[in-house]
Amino acid sequence: MAFSKQQLRKFADLIRIEISDEKLEEMNIDSVVEWLDKLQKIDTTGITPMISPAEHAAPRRADMVTDGNIRDAVLANAPDKAGVSRGYFAVPKVMDE
């Protein structure tokens, strides 16, 4: 199946690309269409469609909602212990009033 220059120009307009006349002359779209026709003729009955060719699944874990309850353990890592007794990290002042 050979495509004319006019048909290729129409295809380019439909898919919103700009192709120069020189490029249209160089294009060998017929070989691509022939290859696609061969692919269409392959019998795929009984074959399950795949999402990915990889056969592995991502490991999953159960979602467990917890409150954490590790405030004291986190605050134990504070470099400045000034705010730990009140339940927060003390940081240096960064803005003047």
PDB file of N, CA and C in Angstrom:
ATOM      1  N   MET A   1       0.855  -1.172   0.000  1.00  0.00           N
ATOM      2  CA  MET A   1       0.000   0.000   0.000  1.00  0.00           C
ATOM      3  C   MET A   1       0.897   1.230   0.000  1.00  0.00           C
ATOM      4  N   ALA A   2       0.861   1.982  -1.043  1.00  0.00           N
ATOM      5  CA  ALA A   2       1.685   3.187  -1.161  1.00  0.00           C
ATOM      6  C   ALA A   2       0.849   4.411  -0.826  1.00  0.00           C
ATOM      7  N   PHE A   3       1.451   5.309  -0.069  1.00  0.00           N
ATOM      8  CA  PHE A   3       0.780   6.555   0.283  1.00  0.00           C
ATOM      9  C   PHE A   3       1.284   7.657  -0.626  1.00  0.00           C
ATOM     10  N   SER A   4       0.368   8.474  -1.070  1.00  0.00           N
ATOM     11  CA  SER A   4       0.756   9.605  -1.900  1.00  0.00           C
ATOM     12  C   SER A   4       1.259  10.735  -1.014  1.00  0.00           C
ATOM     13  N   LYS A   5       1.928  11.686  -1.644  1.00  0.00           N
ATOM     14  CA  LYS A   5       2.426  12.850  -0.924  1.00  0.00           C
ATOM     15  C   LYS A   5       1.263  13.626  -0.299  1.00  0.00           C
ATOM     16  N   GLN A   6       0.153  13.663  -1.004  1.00  0.00           N
ATOM     17  CA  GLN A   6      -1.034  14.380  -0.514  1.00  0.00           C
ATOM     18  C   GLN A   6      -1.602  13.683   0.735  1.00  0.00           C
ATOM     19  N   GLN A   7      -1.629  12.355   0.734  1.00  0.00           N
ATOM     20  CA  GLN A   7      -2.124  11.623   1.903  1.00  0.00           C
ATOM     21  C   GLN A   7      -1.207  11.832   3.112  1.00  0.00           C
ATOM     22  N   LEU A   8       0.106  11.797   2.873  1.00  0.00           N
ATOM     23  CA  LEU A   8       1.043  12.030   3.968  1.00  0.00           C
ATOM     24  C   LEU A   8       0.890  13.440   4.534  1.00  0.00           C
ATOM     25  N   ARG A   9       0.653  14.404   3.670  1.00  0.00           N
ATOM     26  CA  ARG A   9       0.443  15.780   4.117  1.00  0.00           C
ATOM     27  C   ARG A   9      -0.811  15.856   4.994  1.00  0.00           C
ATOM     28  N   LYS A  10      -1.865  15.128   4.586  1.00  0.00           N
ATOM     29  CA  LYS A  10      -3.104  15.128   5.370  1.00  0.00           C
ATOM     30  C   LYS A  10      -2.884  14.465   6.732  1.00  0.00           C
ATOM     31  N   PHE A  11      -2.146  13.349   6.757  1.00  0.00           N
ATOM     32  CA  PHE A  11      -1.829  12.697   8.031  1.00  0.00           C
ATOM     33  C   PHE A  11      -1.081  13.659   8.952  1.00  0.00           C
ATOM     34  N   ALA A  12      -0.115  14.372   8.394  1.00  0.00           N
ATOM     35  CA  ALA A  12       0.670  15.320   9.187  1.00  0.00           C
ATOM     36  C   ALA A  12      -0.223  16.421   9.748  1.00  0.00           C
ATOM     37  N   ASP A  13      -1.163  16.891   8.942  1.00  0.00           N
ATOM     38  CA  ASP A  13      -2.090  17.921   9.419  1.00  0.00           C
ATOM     39  C   ASP A  13      -2.986  17.377  10.531  1.00  0.00           C
ATOM     40  N   LEU A  14      -3.436  16.133  10.401  1.00  0.00           N
ATOM     41  CA  LEU A  14      -4.318  15.541  11.403  1.00  0.00           C
ATOM     42  C   LEU A  14      -3.621  15.360  12.753  1.00  0.00           C
ATOM     43  N   ILE A  15      -2.350  15.004  12.717  1.00  0.00           N
ATOM     44  CA  ILE A  15      -1.636  14.801  13.986  1.00  0.00           C
ATOM     45  C   ILE A  15      -0.857  16.044  14.406  1.00  0.00           C
ATOM     46  N   ARG A  16      -1.125  17.146  13.727  1.00  0.00           N
ATOM     47  CA  ARG A  16      -0.601  18.461  14.099  1.00  0.00           C
ATOM     48  C   ARG A  16       0.929  18.533  14.123  1.00  0.00           C
ATOM     49  N   ILE A  17       1.554  17.989  13.069  1.00  0.00           N
ATOM     50  CA  ILE A  17       2.993  18.161  12.928  1.00  0.00           C
ATOM     51  C   ILE A  17       3.281  18.824  11.600  1.00  0.00           C
ATOM     52  N   GLU A  18       4.381  19.519  11.561  1.00  0.00           N
ATOM     53  CA  GLU A  18       4.763  20.223  10.337  1.00  0.00           C
ATOM     54  C   GLU A  18       5.923  19.474   9.691  1.00  0.00           C
ATOM     55  N   ILE A  19       5.741  19.061   8.453  1.00  0.00           N
ATOM     56  CA  ILE A  19       6.766  18.321   7.726  1.00  0.00           C
ATOM     57  C   ILE A  19       7.040  19.048   6.420  1.00  0.00           C
ATOM     58  N   SER A  20       8.320  19.267   6.151  1.00  0.00           N
ATOM     59  CA  SER A  20       8.689  19.947   4.906  1.00  0.00           C
ATOM     60  C   SER A  20       8.505  19.000   3.722  1.00  0.00           C
ATOM     61  N   ASP A  21       8.453  19.563   2.536  1.00  0.00           N
ATOM     62  CA  ASP A  21       8.298  18.751   1.323  1.00  0.00           C
ATOM     63  C   ASP A  21       9.486  17.805   1.139  1.00  0.00           C
ATOM     64  N   GLU A  22      10.674  18.270   1.519  1.00  0.00           N
ATOM     65  CA  GLU A  22      11.867  17.419   1.398  1.00  0.00           C
ATOM     66  C   GLU A  22      11.745  16.190   2.295  1.00  0.00           C
ATOM     67  N   LYS A  23      11.247  16.395   3.511  1.00  0.00           N
ATOM     68  CA  LYS A  23      11.070  15.269   4.439  1.00  0.00           C
ATOM     69  C   LYS A  23      10.011  14.300   3.927  1.00  0.00           C
ATOM     70  N   LEU A  24       8.963  14.833   3.316  1.00  0.00           N
ATOM     71  CA  LEU A  24       7.924  13.956   2.772  1.00  0.00           C
ATOM     72  C   LEU A  24       8.484  13.056   1.677  1.00  0.00           C
ATOM     73  N   GLU A  25       9.386  13.589   0.889  1.00  0.00           N
ATOM     74  CA  GLU A  25       9.999  12.793  -0.172  1.00  0.00           C
ATOM     75  C   GLU A  25      10.865  11.675   0.404  1.00  0.00           C
ATOM     76  N   GLU A  26      11.518  11.955   1.541  1.00  0.00           N
ATOM     77  CA  GLU A  26      12.423  10.984   2.152  1.00  0.00           C
ATOM     78  C   GLU A  26      11.689   9.899   2.938  1.00  0.00           C
ATOM     79  N   MET A  27      10.465  10.182   3.361  1.00  0.00           N
ATOM     80  CA  MET A  27       9.754   9.252   4.238  1.00  0.00           C
ATOM     81  C   MET A  27       9.468   7.928   3.546  1.00  0.00           C
ATOM     82  N   ASN A  28       9.714   6.837   4.263  1.00  0.00           N
ATOM     83  CA  ASN A  28       9.418   5.505   3.762  1.00  0.00           C
ATOM     84  C   ASN A  28       8.377   4.882   4.693  1.00  0.00           C
ATOM     85  N   ILE A  29       7.205   5.473   4.713  1.00  0.00           N
ATOM     86  CA  ILE A  29       6.162   5.021   5.624  1.00  0.00           C
ATOM     87  C   ILE A  29       5.541   3.701   5.185  1.00  0.00           C
ATOM     88  N   ASP A  30       5.712   3.361   3.913  1.00  0.00           N
ATOM     89  CA  ASP A  30       5.137   2.107   3.419  1.00  0.00           C
ATOM     90  C   ASP A  30       5.703   0.890   4.143  1.00  0.00           C
ATOM     91  N   SER A  31       7.004   0.903   4.445  1.00  0.00           N
ATOM     92  CA  SER A  31       7.596  -0.248   5.135  1.00  0.00           C
ATOM     93  C   SER A  31       7.044  -0.362   6.557  1.00  0.00           C
ATOM     94  N   VAL A  32       6.765   0.751   7.200  1.00  0.00           N
ATOM     95  CA  VAL A  32       6.191   0.727   8.540  1.00  0.00           C
ATOM     96  C   VAL A  32       4.781   0.151   8.484  1.00  0.00           C
ATOM     97  N   VAL A  33       3.999   0.569   7.510  1.00  0.00           N
ATOM     98  CA  VAL A  33       2.628   0.076   7.376  1.00  0.00           C
ATOM     99  C   VAL A  33       2.630  -1.420   7.068  1.00  0.00           C
ATOM    100  N   GLU A  34       3.557  -1.874   6.227  1.00  0.00           N
ATOM    101  CA  GLU A  34       3.655  -3.302   5.930  1.00  0.00           C
ATOM    102  C   GLU A  34       3.989  -4.097   7.192  1.00  0.00           C
ATOM    103  N   TRP A  35       4.899  -3.578   8.015  1.00  0.00           N
ATOM    104  CA  TRP A  35       5.269  -4.238   9.260  1.00  0.00           C
ATOM    105  C   TRP A  35       4.072  -4.299  10.208  1.00  0.00           C
ATOM    106  N   LEU A  36       3.308  -3.220  10.295  1.00  0.00           N
ATOM    107  CA  LEU A  36       2.114  -3.208  11.136  1.00  0.00           C
ATOM    108  C   LEU A  36       1.072  -4.196  10.625  1.00  0.00           C
ATOM    109  N   ASP A  37       0.951  -4.336   9.306  1.00  0.00           N
ATOM    110  CA  ASP A  37       0.028  -5.330   8.744  1.00  0.00           C
ATOM    111  C   ASP A  37       0.437  -6.744   9.154  1.00  0.00           C
ATOM    112  N   LYS A  38       1.749  -7.013   9.177  1.00  0.00           N
ATOM    113  CA  LYS A  38       2.220  -8.322   9.616  1.00  0.00           C
ATOM    114  C   LYS A  38       1.864  -8.557  11.083  1.00  0.00           C
ATOM    115  N   LEU A  39       2.021  -7.537  11.904  1.00  0.00           N
ATOM    116  CA  LEU A  39       1.674  -7.671  13.313  1.00  0.00           C
ATOM    117  C   LEU A  39       0.184  -7.938  13.501  1.00  0.00           C
ATOM    118  N   GLN A  40      -0.650  -7.321  12.688  1.00  0.00           N
ATOM    119  CA  GLN A  40      -2.095  -7.512  12.793  1.00  0.00           C
ATOM    120  C   GLN A  40      -2.488  -8.948  12.467  1.00  0.00           C
ATOM    121  N   LYS A  41      -1.696  -9.642  11.650  1.00  0.00           N
ATOM    122  CA  LYS A  41      -2.037 -10.999  11.229  1.00  0.00           C
ATOM    123  C   LYS A  41      -1.634 -12.060  12.251  1.00  0.00           C
ATOM    124  N   ILE A  42      -0.897 -11.699  13.291  1.00  0.00           N
ATOM    125  CA  ILE A  42      -0.467 -12.661  14.302  1.00  0.00           C
ATOM    126  C   ILE A  42      -1.677 -13.098  15.127  1.00  0.00           C
ATOM    127  N   ASP A  43      -1.825 -14.418  15.307  1.00  0.00           N
ATOM    128  CA  ASP A  43      -2.949 -14.962  16.072  1.00  0.00           C
ATOM    129  C   ASP A  43      -2.654 -14.845  17.567  1.00  0.00           C
ATOM    130  N   THR A  44      -3.438 -14.054  18.268  1.00  0.00           N
ATOM    131  CA  THR A  44      -3.231 -13.846  19.702  1.00  0.00           C
ATOM    132  C   THR A  44      -4.404 -14.378  20.531  1.00  0.00           C
ATOM    133  N   THR A  45      -5.199 -15.252  19.957  1.00  0.00           N
ATOM    134  CA  THR A  45      -6.321 -15.804  20.713  1.00  0.00           C
ATOM    135  C   THR A  45      -5.792 -16.653  21.864  1.00  0.00           C
ATOM    136  N   GLY A  46      -6.404 -16.507  23.013  1.00  0.00           N
ATOM    137  CA  GLY A  46      -6.009 -17.262  24.191  1.00  0.00           C
ATOM    138  C   GLY A  46      -4.831 -16.676  24.946  1.00  0.00           C
ATOM    139  N   ILE A  47      -4.317 -15.550  24.507  1.00  0.00           N
ATOM    140  CA  ILE A  47      -3.197 -14.913  25.194  1.00  0.00           C
ATOM    141  C   ILE A  47      -3.732 -13.743  26.011  1.00  0.00           C
ATOM    142  N   THR A  48      -3.410 -13.764  27.293  1.00  0.00           N
ATOM    143  CA  THR A  48      -3.887 -12.716  28.189  1.00  0.00           C
ATOM    144  C   THR A  48      -3.084 -11.433  27.969  1.00  0.00           C
ATOM    145  N   PRO A  49      -3.760 -10.292  27.847  1.00  0.00           N
ATOM    146  CA  PRO A  49      -3.028  -9.025  27.698  1.00  0.00           C
ATOM    147  C   PRO A  49      -2.173  -8.746  28.937  1.00  0.00           C
ATOM    148  N   MET A  50      -1.025  -8.127  28.715  1.00  0.00           N
ATOM    149  CA  MET A  50      -0.106  -7.848  29.810  1.00  0.00           C
ATOM    150  C   MET A  50      -0.034  -6.348  30.070  1.00  0.00           C
ATOM    151  N   ILE A  51       0.142  -5.996  31.317  1.00  0.00           N
ATOM    152  CA  ILE A  51       0.385  -4.603  31.670  1.00  0.00           C
ATOM    153  C   ILE A  51       1.868  -4.317  31.554  1.00  0.00           C
ATOM    154  N   SER A  52       2.687  -5.297  31.927  1.00  0.00           N
ATOM    155  CA  SER A  52       4.134  -5.154  31.886  1.00  0.00           C
ATOM    156  C   SER A  52       4.745  -6.504  31.541  1.00  0.00           C
ATOM    157  N   PRO A  53       5.849  -6.516  30.828  1.00  0.00           N
ATOM    158  CA  PRO A  53       6.492  -7.807  30.542  1.00  0.00           C
ATOM    159  C   PRO A  53       7.206  -8.388  31.759  1.00  0.00           C
ATOM    160  N   ALA A  54       7.404  -7.606  32.789  1.00  0.00           N
ATOM    161  CA  ALA A  54       8.061  -8.096  34.000  1.00  0.00           C
ATOM    162  C   ALA A  54       7.109  -9.013  34.760  1.00  0.00           C
ATOM    163  N   GLU A  55       7.640 -10.110  35.240  1.00  0.00           N
ATOM    164  CA  GLU A  55       6.816 -11.113  35.914  1.00  0.00           C
ATOM    165  C   GLU A  55       6.743 -10.913  37.428  1.00  0.00           C
ATOM    166  N   HIS A  56       7.345  -9.893  37.954  1.00  0.00           N
ATOM    167  CA  HIS A  56       7.374  -9.722  39.406  1.00  0.00           C
ATOM    168  C   HIS A  56       6.340  -8.694  39.858  1.00  0.00           C
ATOM    169  N   ALA A  57       5.946  -8.830  41.099  1.00  0.00           N
ATOM    170  CA  ALA A  57       5.012  -7.877  41.696  1.00  0.00           C
ATOM    171  C   ALA A  57       5.744  -7.108  42.794  1.00  0.00           C
ATOM    172  N   ALA A  58       5.349  -5.901  43.007  1.00  0.00           N
ATOM    173  CA  ALA A  58       5.955  -5.099  44.057  1.00  0.00           C
ATOM    174  C   ALA A  58       5.557  -5.665  45.414  1.00  0.00           C
ATOM    175  N   PRO A  59       6.513  -5.717  46.337  1.00  0.00           N
ATOM    176  CA  PRO A  59       6.150  -6.228  47.668  1.00  0.00           C
ATOM    177  C   PRO A  59       5.139  -5.308  48.335  1.00  0.00           C
ATOM    178  N   ARG A  60       4.221  -5.901  49.027  1.00  0.00           N
ATOM    179  CA  ARG A  60       3.179  -5.121  49.683  1.00  0.00           C
ATOM    180  C   ARG A  60       3.184  -5.415  51.177  1.00  0.00           C
ATOM    181  N   ARG A  61       2.768  -4.433  51.924  1.00  0.00           N
ATOM    182  CA  ARG A  61       2.624  -4.623  53.354  1.00  0.00           C
ATOM    183  C   ARG A  61       1.248  -4.124  53.751  1.00  0.00           C
ATOM    184  N   ALA A  62       0.772  -4.630  54.859  1.00  0.00           N
ATOM    185  CA  ALA A  62      -0.539  -4.205  55.335  1.00  0.00           C
ATOM    186  C   ALA A  62      -0.447  -2.790  55.900  1.00  0.00           C
ATOM    187  N   ASP A  63      -1.426  -1.979  55.615  1.00  0.00           N
ATOM    188  CA  ASP A  63      -1.483  -0.642  56.191  1.00  0.00           C
ATOM    189  C   ASP A  63      -1.999  -0.747  57.611  1.00  0.00           C
ATOM    190  N   MET A  64      -1.179  -0.322  58.533  1.00  0.00           N
ATOM    191  CA  MET A  64      -1.541  -0.337  59.940  1.00  0.00           C
ATOM    192  C   MET A  64      -1.560   1.105  60.424  1.00  0.00           C
ATOM    193  N   VAL A  65      -2.696   1.583  60.848  1.00  0.00           N
ATOM    194  CA  VAL A  65      -2.810   2.944  61.346  1.00  0.00           C
ATOM    195  C   VAL A  65      -2.429   2.938  62.816  1.00  0.00           C
ATOM    196  N   THR A  66      -1.401   3.726  63.142  1.00  0.00           N
ATOM    197  CA  THR A  66      -0.978   3.843  64.535  1.00  0.00           C
ATOM    198  C   THR A  66      -0.785   5.305  64.863  1.00  0.00           C
ATOM    199  N   ASP A  67      -0.733   5.615  66.121  1.00  0.00           N
ATOM    200  CA  ASP A  67      -0.499   6.997  66.517  1.00  0.00           C
ATOM    201  C   ASP A  67       0.989   7.292  66.624  1.00  0.00           C
ATOM    202  N   GLY A  68       1.803   6.299  66.387  1.00  0.00           N
ATOM    203  CA  GLY A  68       3.244   6.491  66.495  1.00  0.00           C
ATOM    204  C   GLY A  68       3.698   6.280  67.925  1.00  0.00           C
ATOM    205  N   ASN A  69       3.201   7.108  68.811  1.00  0.00           N
ATOM    206  CA  ASN A  69       3.489   7.010  70.237  1.00  0.00           C
ATOM    207  C   ASN A  69       4.980   6.894  70.521  1.00  0.00           C
ATOM    208  N   ILE A  70       5.784   7.642  69.761  1.00  0.00           N
ATOM    209  CA  ILE A  70       7.230   7.599  69.961  1.00  0.00           C
ATOM    210  C   ILE A  70       7.793   9.002  70.168  1.00  0.00           C
ATOM    211  N   ARG A  71       6.975   9.896  70.669  1.00  0.00           N
ATOM    212  CA  ARG A  71       7.414  11.279  70.859  1.00  0.00           C
ATOM    213  C   ARG A  71       8.676  11.357  71.706  1.00  0.00           C
ATOM    214  N   ASP A  72       8.727  10.639  72.789  1.00  0.00           N
ATOM    215  CA  ASP A  72       9.887  10.702  73.669  1.00  0.00           C
ATOM    216  C   ASP A  72      11.146  10.163  72.979  1.00  0.00           C
ATOM    217  N   ALA A  73      10.994   9.114  72.194  1.00  0.00           N
ATOM    218  CA  ALA A  73      12.141   8.554  71.473  1.00  0.00           C
ATOM    219  C   ALA A  73      12.654   9.534  70.431  1.00  0.00           C
ATOM    220  N   VAL A  74      11.751  10.234  69.753  1.00  0.00           N
ATOM    221  CA  VAL A  74      12.159  11.220  68.754  1.00  0.00           C
ATOM    222  C   VAL A  74      12.838  12.401  69.434  1.00  0.00           C
ATOM    223  N   LEU A  75      12.265  12.896  70.510  1.00  0.00           N
ATOM    224  CA  LEU A  75      12.845  14.050  71.205  1.00  0.00           C
ATOM    225  C   LEU A  75      14.180  13.717  71.862  1.00  0.00           C
ATOM    226  N   ALA A  76      14.443  12.450  72.109  1.00  0.00           N
ATOM    227  CA  ALA A  76      15.734  12.055  72.675  1.00  0.00           C
ATOM    228  C   ALA A  76      16.872  12.338  71.706  1.00  0.00           C
ATOM    229  N   ASN A  77      16.587  12.491  70.431  1.00  0.00           N
ATOM    230  CA  ASN A  77      17.606  12.789  69.420  1.00  0.00           C
ATOM    231  C   ASN A  77      17.885  14.277  69.277  1.00  0.00           C
ATOM    232  N   ALA A  78      17.209  15.112  70.020  1.00  0.00           N
ATOM    233  CA  ALA A  78      17.368  16.566  69.893  1.00  0.00           C
ATOM    234  C   ALA A  78      18.751  16.992  70.351  1.00  0.00           C
ATOM    235  N   PRO A  79      19.452  17.796  69.528  1.00  0.00           N
ATOM    236  CA  PRO A  79      20.779  18.253  69.935  1.00  0.00           C
ATOM    237  C   PRO A  79      20.716  19.286  71.065  1.00  0.00           C
ATOM    238  N   ASP A  80      19.654  20.064  71.094  1.00  0.00           N
ATOM    239  CA  ASP A  80      19.482  21.073  72.139  1.00  0.00           C
ATOM    240  C   ASP A  80      18.315  20.620  73.012  1.00  0.00           C
ATOM    241  N   LYS A  81      18.575  20.326  74.260  1.00  0.00           N
ATOM    242  CA  LYS A  81      17.556  19.744  75.139  1.00  0.00           C
ATOM    243  C   LYS A  81      16.646  20.795  75.780  1.00  0.00           C
ATOM    244  N   ALA A  82      16.757  22.059  75.365  1.00  0.00           N
ATOM    245  CA  ALA A  82      15.989  23.134  75.998  1.00  0.00           C
ATOM    246  C   ALA A  82      14.481  22.931  75.875  1.00  0.00           C
ATOM    247  N   GLY A  83      13.989  22.487  74.743  1.00  0.00           N
ATOM    248  CA  GLY A  83      12.550  22.357  74.555  1.00  0.00           C
ATOM    249  C   GLY A  83      12.001  20.971  74.798  1.00  0.00           C
ATOM    250  N   VAL A  84      12.887  20.007  75.053  1.00  0.00           N
ATOM    251  CA  VAL A  84      12.457  18.610  75.187  1.00  0.00           C
ATOM    252  C   VAL A  84      11.466  18.438  76.329  1.00  0.00           C
ATOM    253  N   SER A  85      11.691  19.109  77.426  1.00  0.00           N
ATOM    254  CA  SER A  85      10.787  18.931  78.573  1.00  0.00           C
ATOM    255  C   SER A  85       9.383  19.436  78.262  1.00  0.00           C
ATOM    256  N   ARG A  86       9.272  20.361  77.301  1.00  0.00           N
ATOM    257  CA  ARG A  86       7.955  20.885  76.922  1.00  0.00           C
ATOM    258  C   ARG A  86       7.374  20.153  75.706  1.00  0.00           C
ATOM    259  N   GLY A  87       8.152  19.212  75.124  1.00  0.00           N
ATOM    260  CA  GLY A  87       7.638  18.405  74.027  1.00  0.00           C
ATOM    261  C   GLY A  87       7.897  18.950  72.633  1.00  0.00           C
ATOM    262  N   TYR A  88       8.950  19.750  72.462  1.00  0.00           N
ATOM    263  CA  TYR A  88       9.268  20.253  71.130  1.00  0.00           C
ATOM    264  C   TYR A  88      10.778  20.380  70.971  1.00  0.00           C
ATOM    265  N   PHE A  89      11.211  20.559  69.720  1.00  0.00           N
ATOM    266  CA  PHE A  89      12.612  20.807  69.420  1.00  0.00           C
ATOM    267  C   PHE A  89      12.880  22.298  69.563  1.00  0.00           C
ATOM    268  N   ALA A  90      13.969  22.649  70.215  1.00  0.00           N
ATOM    269  CA  ALA A  90      14.389  24.043  70.287  1.00  0.00           C
ATOM    270  C   ALA A  90      15.355  24.289  69.135  1.00  0.00           C
ATOM    271  N   VAL A  91      15.109  25.346  68.373  1.00  0.00           N
ATOM    272  CA  VAL A  91      15.971  25.683  67.237  1.00  0.00           C
ATOM    273  C   VAL A  91      16.438  27.117  67.399  1.00  0.00           C
ATOM    274  N   PRO A  92      17.572  27.470  66.783  1.00  0.00           N
ATOM    275  CA  PRO A  92      18.055  28.841  66.883  1.00  0.00           C
ATOM    276  C   PRO A  92      17.090  29.807  66.202  1.00  0.00           C
ATOM    277  N   LYS A  93      17.045  31.003  66.720  1.00  0.00           N
ATOM    278  CA  LYS A  93      16.213  32.032  66.134  1.00  0.00           C
ATOM    279  C   LYS A  93      16.761  32.414  64.770  1.00  0.00           C
ATOM    280  N   VAL A  94      15.904  32.505  63.778  1.00  0.00           N
ATOM    281  CA  VAL A  94      16.373  32.814  62.422  1.00  0.00           C
ATOM    282  C   VAL A  94      15.858  34.155  61.917  1.00  0.00           C
ATOM    283  N   MET A  95      14.917  34.755  62.589  1.00  0.00           N
ATOM    284  CA  MET A  95      14.377  36.035  62.129  1.00  0.00           C
ATOM    285  C   MET A  95      14.362  37.019  63.292  1.00  0.00           C
ATOM    286  N   ASP A  96      14.698  38.242  62.967  1.00  0.00           N
ATOM    287  CA  ASP A  96      14.598  39.303  63.975  1.00  0.00           C
ATOM    288  C   ASP A  96      13.218  39.912  63.894  1.00  0.00           C
ATOM    289  N   GLU A  97      12.782  40.454  65.007  1.00  0.00           N
ATOM    290  CA  GLU A  97      11.460  41.093  65.022  1.00  0.00           C
ATOM    291  C   GLU A  97      11.508  42.469  64.455  1.00  0.00           C
TER     292      GLU A  97
END
